[in-house]
PDB file of all heavy atoms in Angstrom:
ATOM      1  N   ASN A   1       6.608 -12.732  47.370  1.00  0.00           N
ATOM      2  CA  ASN A   1       6.741 -11.363  47.813  1.00  0.00           C
ATOM      3  C   ASN A   1       5.688 -10.407  47.176  1.00  0.00           C
ATOM      4  O   ASN A   1       5.681  -9.225  47.566  1.00  0.00           O
ATOM      5  CB  ASN A   1       8.112 -10.850  47.514  1.00  0.00           C
ATOM      6  CG  ASN A   1       9.192 -11.631  48.261  1.00  0.00           C
ATOM      7  OD1 ASN A   1       8.965 -12.066  49.405  1.00  0.00           O
ATOM      8  ND2 ASN A   1      10.323 -11.871  47.651  1.00  0.00           N
ATOM      9  N   GLU A   2       4.921 -10.896  46.267  1.00  0.00           N
ATOM     10  CA  GLU A   2       3.944 -10.040  45.582  1.00  0.00           C
ATOM     11  C   GLU A   2       2.651 -10.085  46.343  1.00  0.00           C
ATOM     12  O   GLU A   2       1.771 -10.898  46.121  1.00  0.00           O
ATOM     13  CB  GLU A   2       3.752 -10.593  44.165  1.00  0.00           C
ATOM     14  CG  GLU A   2       2.846  -9.769  43.332  1.00  0.00           C
ATOM     15  CD  GLU A   2       3.285  -8.296  43.190  1.00  0.00           C
ATOM     16  OE1 GLU A   2       4.407  -8.048  42.832  1.00  0.00           O
ATOM     17  OE2 GLU A   2       2.473  -7.410  43.584  1.00  0.00           O
ATOM     18  N   ASP A   3       2.468  -9.146  47.286  1.00  0.00           N
ATOM     19  CA  ASP A   3       1.255  -9.074  48.076  1.00  0.00           C
ATOM     20  C   ASP A   3       0.602  -7.718  48.019  1.00  0.00           C
ATOM     21  O   ASP A   3      -0.228  -7.393  48.849  1.00  0.00           O
ATOM     22  CB  ASP A   3       1.532  -9.439  49.527  1.00  0.00           C
ATOM     23  CG  ASP A   3       2.592  -8.599  50.159  1.00  0.00           C
ATOM     24  OD1 ASP A   3       3.123  -7.662  49.475  1.00  0.00           O
ATOM     25  OD2 ASP A   3       2.901  -8.797  51.354  1.00  0.00           O
ATOM     26  N   ASP A   4       0.969  -6.919  47.019  1.00  0.00           N
ATOM     27  CA  ASP A   4       0.394  -5.585  46.890  1.00  0.00           C
ATOM     28  C   ASP A   4      -0.938  -5.580  46.143  1.00  0.00           C
ATOM     29  O   ASP A   4      -1.621  -4.563  46.143  1.00  0.00           O
ATOM     30  CB  ASP A   4       1.364  -4.613  46.150  1.00  0.00           C
ATOM     31  CG  ASP A   4       2.659  -4.401  46.918  1.00  0.00           C
ATOM     32  OD1 ASP A   4       2.611  -4.524  48.145  1.00  0.00           O
ATOM     33  OD2 ASP A   4       3.672  -4.137  46.268  1.00  0.00           O
ATOM     34  N   GLY A   5      -1.250  -6.640  45.542  1.00  0.00           N
ATOM     35  CA  GLY A   5      -2.500  -6.738  44.752  1.00  0.00           C
ATOM     36  C   GLY A   5      -2.224  -6.371  43.337  1.00  0.00           C
ATOM     37  O   GLY A   5      -1.223  -5.774  42.926  1.00  0.00           O
ATOM     38  N   MET A   6      -3.213  -6.676  42.499  1.00  0.00           N
ATOM     39  CA  MET A   6      -3.039  -6.457  41.050  1.00  0.00           C
ATOM     40  C   MET A   6      -3.445  -5.054  40.585  1.00  0.00           C
ATOM     41  O   MET A   6      -3.034  -4.609  39.558  1.00  0.00           O
ATOM     42  CB  MET A   6      -3.890  -7.523  40.316  1.00  0.00           C
ATOM     43  CG  MET A   6      -3.284  -8.920  40.408  1.00  0.00           C
ATOM     44  SD  MET A   6      -1.732  -9.103  39.571  1.00  0.00           S
ATOM     45  CE  MET A   6      -0.610  -9.259  40.926  1.00  0.00           C
ATOM     46  N   LEU A   7      -4.268  -4.362  41.383  1.00  0.00           N
ATOM     47  CA  LEU A   7      -4.692  -3.015  40.960  1.00  0.00           C
ATOM     48  C   LEU A   7      -3.492  -2.087  40.857  1.00  0.00           C
ATOM     49  O   LEU A   7      -3.409  -1.310  39.892  1.00  0.00           O
ATOM     50  CB  LEU A   7      -5.703  -2.453  41.922  1.00  0.00           C
ATOM     51  CG  LEU A   7      -6.267  -1.104  41.567  1.00  0.00           C
ATOM     52  CD1 LEU A   7      -6.998  -1.129  40.248  1.00  0.00           C
ATOM     53  CD2 LEU A   7      -7.193  -0.587  42.633  1.00  0.00           C
ATOM     54  N   LEU A   8      -2.557  -2.177  41.769  1.00  0.00           N
ATOM     55  CA  LEU A   8      -1.342  -1.342  41.686  1.00  0.00           C
ATOM     56  C   LEU A   8      -0.595  -1.608  40.392  1.00  0.00           C
ATOM     57  O   LEU A   8      -0.121  -0.652  39.757  1.00  0.00           O
ATOM     58  CB  LEU A   8      -0.439  -1.634  42.890  1.00  0.00           C
ATOM     59  CG  LEU A   8       0.925  -0.925  42.889  1.00  0.00           C
ATOM     60  CD1 LEU A   8       0.702   0.533  42.988  1.00  0.00           C
ATOM     61  CD2 LEU A   8       1.789  -1.413  44.001  1.00  0.00           C
ATOM     62  N   TRP A   9      -0.490  -2.860  39.993  1.00  0.00           N
ATOM     63  CA  TRP A   9       0.233  -3.183  38.763  1.00  0.00           C
ATOM     64  C   TRP A   9      -0.504  -2.657  37.543  1.00  0.00           C
ATOM     65  O   TRP A   9       0.101  -2.199  36.582  1.00  0.00           O
ATOM     66  CB  TRP A   9       0.459  -4.681  38.631  1.00  0.00           C
ATOM     67  CG  TRP A   9       1.625  -5.089  39.456  1.00  0.00           C
ATOM     68  CD1 TRP A   9       1.613  -5.784  40.614  1.00  0.00           C
ATOM     69  CD2 TRP A   9       3.000  -4.820  39.151  1.00  0.00           C
ATOM     70  NE1 TRP A   9       2.870  -5.912  41.088  1.00  0.00           N
ATOM     71  CE2 TRP A   9       3.731  -5.353  40.209  1.00  0.00           C
ATOM     72  CE3 TRP A   9       3.659  -4.159  38.180  1.00  0.00           C
ATOM     73  CZ2 TRP A   9       5.082  -5.285  40.259  1.00  0.00           C
ATOM     74  CZ3 TRP A   9       5.029  -4.067  38.167  1.00  0.00           C
ATOM     75  CH2 TRP A   9       5.757  -4.612  39.237  1.00  0.00           C
ATOM     76  N   LEU A  10      -1.849  -2.691  37.606  1.00  0.00           N
ATOM     77  CA  LEU A  10      -2.611  -2.127  36.466  1.00  0.00           C
ATOM     78  C   LEU A  10      -2.414  -0.659  36.356  1.00  0.00           C
ATOM     79  O   LEU A  10      -2.358  -0.109  35.250  1.00  0.00           O
ATOM     80  CB  LEU A  10      -4.065  -2.514  36.592  1.00  0.00           C
ATOM     81  CG  LEU A  10      -4.442  -3.926  36.321  1.00  0.00           C
ATOM     82  CD1 LEU A  10      -5.919  -4.149  36.584  1.00  0.00           C
ATOM     83  CD2 LEU A  10      -4.102  -4.308  34.881  1.00  0.00           C
ATOM     84  N   VAL A  11      -2.302   0.048  37.491  1.00  0.00           N
ATOM     85  CA  VAL A  11      -2.039   1.522  37.467  1.00  0.00           C
ATOM     86  C   VAL A  11      -0.675   1.803  36.847  1.00  0.00           C
ATOM     87  O   VAL A  11      -0.528   2.839  36.190  1.00  0.00           O
ATOM     88  CB  VAL A  11      -2.187   2.055  38.895  1.00  0.00           C
ATOM     89  CG1 VAL A  11      -1.679   3.499  38.937  1.00  0.00           C
ATOM     90  CG2 VAL A  11      -3.598   1.951  39.387  1.00  0.00           C
ATOM     91  N   VAL A  12       0.255   0.931  37.018  1.00  0.00           N
ATOM     92  CA  VAL A  12       1.587   1.110  36.439  1.00  0.00           C
ATOM     93  C   VAL A  12       1.644   0.664  34.985  1.00  0.00           C
ATOM     94  O   VAL A  12       2.186   1.367  34.118  1.00  0.00           O
ATOM     95  CB  VAL A  12       2.661   0.389  37.312  1.00  0.00           C
ATOM     96  CG1 VAL A  12       4.043   0.431  36.617  1.00  0.00           C
ATOM     97  CG2 VAL A  12       2.754   0.985  38.653  1.00  0.00           C
ATOM     98  N   ILE A  13       1.093  -0.501  34.699  1.00  0.00           N
ATOM     99  CA  ILE A  13       1.218  -1.127  33.426  1.00  0.00           C
ATOM    100  C   ILE A  13       0.466  -0.408  32.306  1.00  0.00           C
ATOM    101  O   ILE A  13       0.976  -0.226  31.230  1.00  0.00           O
ATOM    102  CB  ILE A  13       0.780  -2.626  33.483  1.00  0.00           C
ATOM    103  CG1 ILE A  13       1.803  -3.398  34.302  1.00  0.00           C
ATOM    104  CG2 ILE A  13       0.673  -3.243  32.127  1.00  0.00           C
ATOM    105  CD1 ILE A  13       1.372  -4.796  34.611  1.00  0.00           C
ATOM    106  N   VAL A  14      -0.786  -0.036  32.598  1.00  0.00           N
ATOM    107  CA  VAL A  14      -1.653   0.545  31.521  1.00  0.00           C
ATOM    108  C   VAL A  14      -1.011   1.794  30.926  1.00  0.00           C
ATOM    109  O   VAL A  14      -0.929   1.911  29.742  1.00  0.00           O
ATOM    110  CB  VAL A  14      -3.088   0.761  32.076  1.00  0.00           C
ATOM    111  CG1 VAL A  14      -3.876   1.623  31.095  1.00  0.00           C
ATOM    112  CG2 VAL A  14      -3.743  -0.565  32.304  1.00  0.00           C
ATOM    113  N   PRO A  15      -0.569   2.764  31.766  1.00  0.00           N
ATOM    114  CA  PRO A  15       0.045   3.961  31.091  1.00  0.00           C
ATOM    115  C   PRO A  15       1.332   3.657  30.324  1.00  0.00           C
ATOM    116  O   PRO A  15       1.552   4.237  29.245  1.00  0.00           O
ATOM    117  CB  PRO A  15       0.361   4.889  32.283  1.00  0.00           C
ATOM    118  CG  PRO A  15      -0.459   4.434  33.394  1.00  0.00           C
ATOM    119  CD  PRO A  15      -0.710   2.981  33.205  1.00  0.00           C
ATOM    120  N   VAL A  16       2.133   2.730  30.820  1.00  0.00           N
ATOM    121  CA  VAL A  16       3.373   2.408  30.161  1.00  0.00           C
ATOM    122  C   VAL A  16       3.083   1.714  28.768  1.00  0.00           C
ATOM    123  O   VAL A  16       3.610   2.061  27.720  1.00  0.00           O
ATOM    124  CB  VAL A  16       4.289   1.481  30.987  1.00  0.00           C
ATOM    125  CG1 VAL A  16       5.455   0.918  30.231  1.00  0.00           C
ATOM    126  CG2 VAL A  16       4.738   2.225  32.208  1.00  0.00           C
ATOM    127  N   VAL A  17       2.158   0.762  28.774  1.00  0.00           N
ATOM    128  CA  VAL A  17       1.795   0.047  27.581  1.00  0.00           C
ATOM    129  C   VAL A  17       1.123   0.981  26.541  1.00  0.00           C
ATOM    130  O   VAL A  17       1.435   0.966  25.368  1.00  0.00           O
ATOM    131  CB  VAL A  17       0.960  -1.222  27.858  1.00  0.00           C
ATOM    132  CG1 VAL A  17       0.421  -1.821  26.588  1.00  0.00           C
ATOM    133  CG2 VAL A  17       1.803  -2.232  28.636  1.00  0.00           C
ATOM    134  N   VAL A  18       0.202   1.803  27.018  1.00  0.00           N
ATOM    135  CA  VAL A  18      -0.518   2.757  26.138  1.00  0.00           C
ATOM    136  C   VAL A  18       0.438   3.763  25.562  1.00  0.00           C
ATOM    137  O   VAL A  18       0.426   4.034  24.362  1.00  0.00           O
ATOM    138  CB  VAL A  18      -1.669   3.448  26.917  1.00  0.00           C
ATOM    139  CG1 VAL A  18      -2.169   4.626  26.127  1.00  0.00           C
ATOM    140  CG2 VAL A  18      -2.772   2.482  27.226  1.00  0.00           C
ATOM    141  N   PHE A  19       1.370   4.270  26.348  1.00  0.00           N
ATOM    142  CA  PHE A  19       2.364   5.231  25.823  1.00  0.00           C
ATOM    143  C   PHE A  19       3.223   4.571  24.760  1.00  0.00           C
ATOM    144  O   PHE A  19       3.454   5.150  23.698  1.00  0.00           O
ATOM    145  CB  PHE A  19       3.246   5.791  26.940  1.00  0.00           C
ATOM    146  CG  PHE A  19       4.400   6.610  26.459  1.00  0.00           C
ATOM    147  CD1 PHE A  19       4.145   7.910  26.010  1.00  0.00           C
ATOM    148  CD2 PHE A  19       5.707   6.114  26.440  1.00  0.00           C
ATOM    149  CE1 PHE A  19       5.201   8.668  25.544  1.00  0.00           C
ATOM    150  CE2 PHE A  19       6.757   6.875  25.956  1.00  0.00           C
ATOM    151  CZ  PHE A  19       6.477   8.190  25.531  1.00  0.00           C
ATOM    152  N   PHE A  20       3.735   3.364  25.022  1.00  0.00           N
ATOM    153  CA  PHE A  20       4.603   2.693  24.048  1.00  0.00           C
ATOM    154  C   PHE A  20       3.823   2.330  22.816  1.00  0.00           C
ATOM    155  O   PHE A  20       4.334   2.507  21.679  1.00  0.00           O
ATOM    156  CB  PHE A  20       5.265   1.441  24.661  1.00  0.00           C
ATOM    157  CG  PHE A  20       6.146   0.800  23.635  1.00  0.00           C
ATOM    158  CD1 PHE A  20       7.403   1.331  23.381  1.00  0.00           C
ATOM    159  CD2 PHE A  20       5.727  -0.312  22.901  1.00  0.00           C
ATOM    160  CE1 PHE A  20       8.235   0.764  22.424  1.00  0.00           C
ATOM    161  CE2 PHE A  20       6.517  -0.855  21.968  1.00  0.00           C
ATOM    162  CZ  PHE A  20       7.787  -0.314  21.713  1.00  0.00           C
ATOM    163  N   ALA A  21       2.610   1.863  22.961  1.00  0.00           N
ATOM    164  CA  ALA A  21       1.786   1.499  21.791  1.00  0.00           C
ATOM    165  C   ALA A  21       1.494   2.720  20.927  1.00  0.00           C
ATOM    166  O   ALA A  21       1.547   2.658  19.683  1.00  0.00           O
ATOM    167  CB  ALA A  21       0.490   0.831  22.199  1.00  0.00           C
ATOM    168  N   ALA A  22       1.208   3.847  21.551  1.00  0.00           N
ATOM    169  CA  ALA A  22       0.961   5.089  20.814  1.00  0.00           C
ATOM    170  C   ALA A  22       2.204   5.548  20.047  1.00  0.00           C
ATOM    171  O   ALA A  22       2.189   5.909  18.875  1.00  0.00           O
ATOM    172  CB  ALA A  22       0.463   6.203  21.709  1.00  0.00           C
ATOM    173  N   LEU A  23       3.343   5.507  20.771  1.00  0.00           N
ATOM    174  CA  LEU A  23       4.616   5.883  20.134  1.00  0.00           C
ATOM    175  C   LEU A  23       4.931   4.958  18.991  1.00  0.00           C
ATOM    176  O   LEU A  23       5.328   5.392  17.864  1.00  0.00           O
ATOM    177  CB  LEU A  23       5.741   5.823  21.170  1.00  0.00           C
ATOM    178  CG  LEU A  23       7.162   6.086  20.648  1.00  0.00           C
ATOM    179  CD1 LEU A  23       7.318   7.531  20.266  1.00  0.00           C
ATOM    180  CD2 LEU A  23       8.197   5.689  21.699  1.00  0.00           C
ATOM    181  N   TRP A  24       4.798   3.641  19.175  1.00  0.00           N
ATOM    182  CA  TRP A  24       5.008   2.649  18.134  1.00  0.00           C
ATOM    183  C   TRP A  24       4.127   2.894  16.902  1.00  0.00           C
ATOM    184  O   TRP A  24       4.615   2.890  15.752  1.00  0.00           O
ATOM    185  CB  TRP A  24       4.813   1.254  18.695  1.00  0.00           C
ATOM    186  CG  TRP A  24       5.067   0.155  17.722  1.00  0.00           C
ATOM    187  CD1 TRP A  24       6.251  -0.393  17.417  1.00  0.00           C
ATOM    188  CD2 TRP A  24       4.065  -0.483  16.920  1.00  0.00           C
ATOM    189  NE1 TRP A  24       6.092  -1.379  16.481  1.00  0.00           N
ATOM    190  CE2 TRP A  24       4.761  -1.455  16.157  1.00  0.00           C
ATOM    191  CE3 TRP A  24       2.730  -0.411  16.768  1.00  0.00           C
ATOM    192  CZ2 TRP A  24       4.111  -2.298  15.252  1.00  0.00           C
ATOM    193  CZ3 TRP A  24       2.062  -1.210  15.890  1.00  0.00           C
ATOM    194  CH2 TRP A  24       2.769  -2.170  15.141  1.00  0.00           C
ATOM    195  N   ALA A  25       2.867   3.142  17.143  1.00  0.00           N
ATOM    196  CA  ALA A  25       1.933   3.356  16.040  1.00  0.00           C
ATOM    197  C   ALA A  25       2.259   4.659  15.277  1.00  0.00           C
ATOM    198  O   ALA A  25       2.219   4.650  14.016  1.00  0.00           O
ATOM    199  CB  ALA A  25       0.503   3.416  16.549  1.00  0.00           C
ATOM    200  N   LEU A  26       2.550   5.715  15.963  1.00  0.00           N
ATOM    201  CA  LEU A  26       2.882   6.980  15.289  1.00  0.00           C
ATOM    202  C   LEU A  26       4.174   6.843  14.464  1.00  0.00           C
ATOM    203  O   LEU A  26       4.209   7.325  13.320  1.00  0.00           O
ATOM    204  CB  LEU A  26       3.035   8.114  16.333  1.00  0.00           C
ATOM    205  CG  LEU A  26       1.756   8.586  16.988  1.00  0.00           C
ATOM    206  CD1 LEU A  26       2.058   9.553  18.084  1.00  0.00           C
ATOM    207  CD2 LEU A  26       0.816   9.169  15.922  1.00  0.00           C
ATOM    208  N   VAL A  27       5.181   6.231  15.010  1.00  0.00           N
ATOM    209  CA  VAL A  27       6.413   6.016  14.252  1.00  0.00           C
ATOM    210  C   VAL A  27       6.161   5.156  13.042  1.00  0.00           C
ATOM    211  O   VAL A  27       6.631   5.471  11.930  1.00  0.00           O
ATOM    212  CB  VAL A  27       7.483   5.406  15.152  1.00  0.00           C
ATOM    213  CG1 VAL A  27       8.673   4.933  14.345  1.00  0.00           C
ATOM    214  CG2 VAL A  27       7.969   6.429  16.204  1.00  0.00           C
ATOM    215  N   ASN A  28       5.429   4.102  13.207  1.00  0.00           N
ATOM    216  CA  ASN A  28       5.192   3.187  12.048  1.00  0.00           C
ATOM    217  C   ASN A  28       4.286   3.840  11.025  1.00  0.00           C
ATOM    218  O   ASN A  28       4.488   3.611   9.792  1.00  0.00           O
ATOM    219  CB  ASN A  28       4.571   1.868  12.497  1.00  0.00           C
ATOM    220  CG  ASN A  28       5.675   0.921  12.888  1.00  0.00           C
ATOM    221  OD1 ASN A  28       6.404   0.458  12.040  1.00  0.00           O
ATOM    222  ND2 ASN A  28       5.772   0.615  14.165  1.00  0.00           N
ATOM    223  N   LEU A  29       3.334   4.610  11.402  1.00  0.00           N
ATOM    224  CA  LEU A  29       2.480   5.318  10.428  1.00  0.00           C
ATOM    225  C   LEU A  29       3.285   6.304   9.575  1.00  0.00           C
ATOM    226  O   LEU A  29       3.158   6.396   8.362  1.00  0.00           O
ATOM    227  CB  LEU A  29       1.320   5.987  11.085  1.00  0.00           C
ATOM    228  CG  LEU A  29       0.168   5.099  11.541  1.00  0.00           C
ATOM    229  CD1 LEU A  29      -0.806   5.864  12.420  1.00  0.00           C
ATOM    230  CD2 LEU A  29      -0.514   4.466  10.366  1.00  0.00           C
ATOM    231  N   SER A  30       4.182   7.058  10.272  1.00  0.00           N
ATOM    232  CA  SER A  30       4.985   8.022   9.540  1.00  0.00           C
ATOM    233  C   SER A  30       6.007   7.313   8.683  1.00  0.00           C
ATOM    234  O   SER A  30       6.257   7.747   7.534  1.00  0.00           O
ATOM    235  CB  SER A  30       5.641   9.033  10.496  1.00  0.00           C
ATOM    236  OG  SER A  30       6.595   8.324  11.288  1.00  0.00           O
ATOM    237  N   MET A  31       6.631   6.238   9.190  1.00  0.00           N
ATOM    238  CA  MET A  31       7.643   5.544   8.387  1.00  0.00           C
ATOM    239  C   MET A  31       6.978   4.892   7.209  1.00  0.00           C
ATOM    240  O   MET A  31       7.574   4.845   6.108  1.00  0.00           O
ATOM    241  CB  MET A  31       8.351   4.502   9.242  1.00  0.00           C
ATOM    242  CG  MET A  31       9.242   5.087  10.328  1.00  0.00           C
ATOM    243  SD  MET A  31      10.589   6.053   9.625  1.00  0.00           S
ATOM    244  CE  MET A  31      11.567   4.831   8.885  1.00  0.00           C
ATOM    245  N   ARG A  32       5.808   4.294   7.362  1.00  0.00           N
ATOM    246  CA  ARG A  32       5.140   3.630   6.232  1.00  0.00           C
ATOM    247  C   ARG A  32       4.778   4.626   5.129  1.00  0.00           C
ATOM    248  O   ARG A  32       4.944   4.363   3.954  1.00  0.00           O
ATOM    249  CB  ARG A  32       3.858   2.926   6.732  1.00  0.00           C
ATOM    250  CG  ARG A  32       3.202   2.153   5.651  1.00  0.00           C
ATOM    251  CD  ARG A  32       2.022   1.393   6.133  1.00  0.00           C
ATOM    252  NE  ARG A  32       1.518   0.593   5.027  1.00  0.00           N
ATOM    253  CZ  ARG A  32       0.353   0.029   5.005  1.00  0.00           C
ATOM    254  NH1 ARG A  32      -0.439   0.151   6.036  1.00  0.00           N
ATOM    255  NH2 ARG A  32      -0.031  -0.684   3.971  1.00  0.00           N
ATOM    256  N   ASP A  33       4.326   5.832   5.511  1.00  0.00           N
ATOM    257  CA  ASP A  33       4.009   6.845   4.534  1.00  0.00           C
ATOM    258  C   ASP A  33       5.270   7.331   3.782  1.00  0.00           C
ATOM    259  O   ASP A  33       5.219   7.581   2.603  1.00  0.00           O
ATOM    260  CB  ASP A  33       3.300   8.014   5.183  1.00  0.00           C
ATOM    261  CG  ASP A  33       1.891   7.643   5.653  1.00  0.00           C
ATOM    262  OD1 ASP A  33       1.378   6.642   5.189  1.00  0.00           O
ATOM    263  OD2 ASP A  33       1.335   8.392   6.523  1.00  0.00           O
ATOM    264  N   LYS A  34       6.382   7.445   4.500  1.00  0.00           N
ATOM    265  CA  LYS A  34       7.622   7.941   3.876  1.00  0.00           C
ATOM    266  C   LYS A  34       8.281   6.890   3.011  1.00  0.00           C
ATOM    267  O   LYS A  34       8.861   7.191   1.996  1.00  0.00           O
ATOM    268  CB  LYS A  34       8.592   8.404   4.960  1.00  0.00           C
ATOM    269  CG  LYS A  34       8.156   9.650   5.645  1.00  0.00           C
ATOM    270  CD  LYS A  34       9.169  10.024   6.722  1.00  0.00           C
ATOM    271  CE  LYS A  34       8.690  11.230   7.517  1.00  0.00           C
ATOM    272  NZ  LYS A  34       9.591  11.548   8.619  1.00  0.00           N
ATOM    273  N   LEU A  35       8.270   5.638   3.460  1.00  0.00           N
ATOM    274  CA  LEU A  35       8.999   4.582   2.753  1.00  0.00           C
ATOM    275  C   LEU A  35       8.218   3.937   1.628  1.00  0.00           C
ATOM    276  O   LEU A  35       8.835   3.492   0.619  1.00  0.00           O
ATOM    277  CB  LEU A  35       9.424   3.515   3.756  1.00  0.00           C
ATOM    278  CG  LEU A  35      10.426   3.905   4.791  1.00  0.00           C
ATOM    279  CD1 LEU A  35      10.719   2.759   5.738  1.00  0.00           C
ATOM    280  CD2 LEU A  35      11.738   4.393   4.111  1.00  0.00           C
ATOM    281  N   LEU A  36       6.911   3.814   1.751  1.00  0.00           N
ATOM    282  CA  LEU A  36       6.154   3.075   0.789  1.00  0.00           C
ATOM    283  C   LEU A  36       5.134   4.006   0.069  1.00  0.00           C
ATOM    284  O   LEU A  36       4.284   4.596   0.668  1.00  0.00           O
ATOM    285  CB  LEU A  36       5.362   1.944   1.475  1.00  0.00           C
ATOM    286  CG  LEU A  36       6.200   0.985   2.309  1.00  0.00           C
ATOM    287  CD1 LEU A  36       5.335   0.086   3.108  1.00  0.00           C
ATOM    288  CD2 LEU A  36       7.105   0.170   1.401  1.00  0.00           C
ATOM    289  N   ALA A  37       5.289   4.105  -1.242  1.00  0.00           N
ATOM    290  CA  ALA A  37       4.419   4.916  -2.047  1.00  0.00           C
ATOM    291  C   ALA A  37       3.129   4.155  -2.365  1.00  0.00           C
ATOM    292  O   ALA A  37       2.096   4.766  -2.618  1.00  0.00           O
ATOM    293  CB  ALA A  37       5.086   5.388  -3.312  1.00  0.00           C
ATOM    294  N   GLU A  38       3.227   2.831  -2.410  1.00  0.00           N
ATOM    295  CA  GLU A  38       2.042   2.016  -2.729  1.00  0.00           C
ATOM    296  C   GLU A  38       1.900   0.911  -1.702  1.00  0.00           C
ATOM    297  O   GLU A  38       2.713   0.833  -0.740  1.00  0.00           O
ATOM    298  CB  GLU A  38       2.210   1.458  -4.131  1.00  0.00           C
ATOM    299  CG  GLU A  38       3.480   0.618  -4.269  1.00  0.00           C
ATOM    300  CD  GLU A  38       3.877   0.436  -5.707  1.00  0.00           C
ATOM    301  OE1 GLU A  38       3.729   1.376  -6.471  1.00  0.00           O
ATOM    302  OE2 GLU A  38       4.283  -0.654  -6.039  1.00  0.00           O
ATOM    303  N   GLU A  39       0.966   0.042  -1.927  1.00  0.00           N
ATOM    304  CA  GLU A  39       0.757  -1.053  -0.972  1.00  0.00           C
ATOM    305  C   GLU A  39       1.966  -2.009  -0.962  1.00  0.00           C
ATOM    306  O   GLU A  39       2.435  -2.379  -2.076  1.00  0.00           O
ATOM    307  CB  GLU A  39      -0.506  -1.844  -1.398  1.00  0.00           C
ATOM    308  CG  GLU A  39      -1.057  -2.691  -0.374  1.00  0.00           C
ATOM    309  CD  GLU A  39      -1.568  -2.015   0.869  1.00  0.00           C
ATOM    310  OE1 GLU A  39      -2.018  -0.852   0.796  1.00  0.00           O
ATOM    311  OE2 GLU A  39      -1.475  -2.620   1.976  1.00  0.00           O
ATOM    312  N   PRO A  40       2.497  -2.355   0.178  1.00  0.00           N
ATOM    313  CA  PRO A  40       3.697  -3.211   0.196  1.00  0.00           C
ATOM    314  C   PRO A  40       3.368  -4.647  -0.225  1.00  0.00           C
ATOM    315  O   PRO A  40       2.234  -5.136  -0.076  1.00  0.00           O
ATOM    316  CB  PRO A  40       4.110  -3.180   1.671  1.00  0.00           C
ATOM    317  CG  PRO A  40       2.895  -2.870   2.428  1.00  0.00           C
ATOM    318  CD  PRO A  40       2.065  -2.028   1.532  1.00  0.00           C
ATOM    319  N   PRO A  41       4.364  -5.351  -0.748  1.00  0.00           N
ATOM    320  CA  PRO A  41       4.155  -6.734  -1.189  1.00  0.00           C
ATOM    321  C   PRO A  41       4.072  -7.711  -0.013  1.00  0.00           C
ATOM    322  O   PRO A  41       3.842  -8.887  -0.226  1.00  0.00           O
ATOM    323  CB  PRO A  41       5.329  -7.040  -2.055  1.00  0.00           C
ATOM    324  CG  PRO A  41       6.402  -6.160  -1.531  1.00  0.00           C
ATOM    325  CD  PRO A  41       5.712  -4.904  -1.040  1.00  0.00           C
TER     326      PRO A  41
END
């Protein structure tokens, strides 16, 4: 049933993945700074 082509999926996937990756990175950067004062073991 997948006959719409791959470009449509890229238009949907890229913003979703970029948004989640940015959110994940921001949360982890802030959590790492708050939780760890030095380099983790």
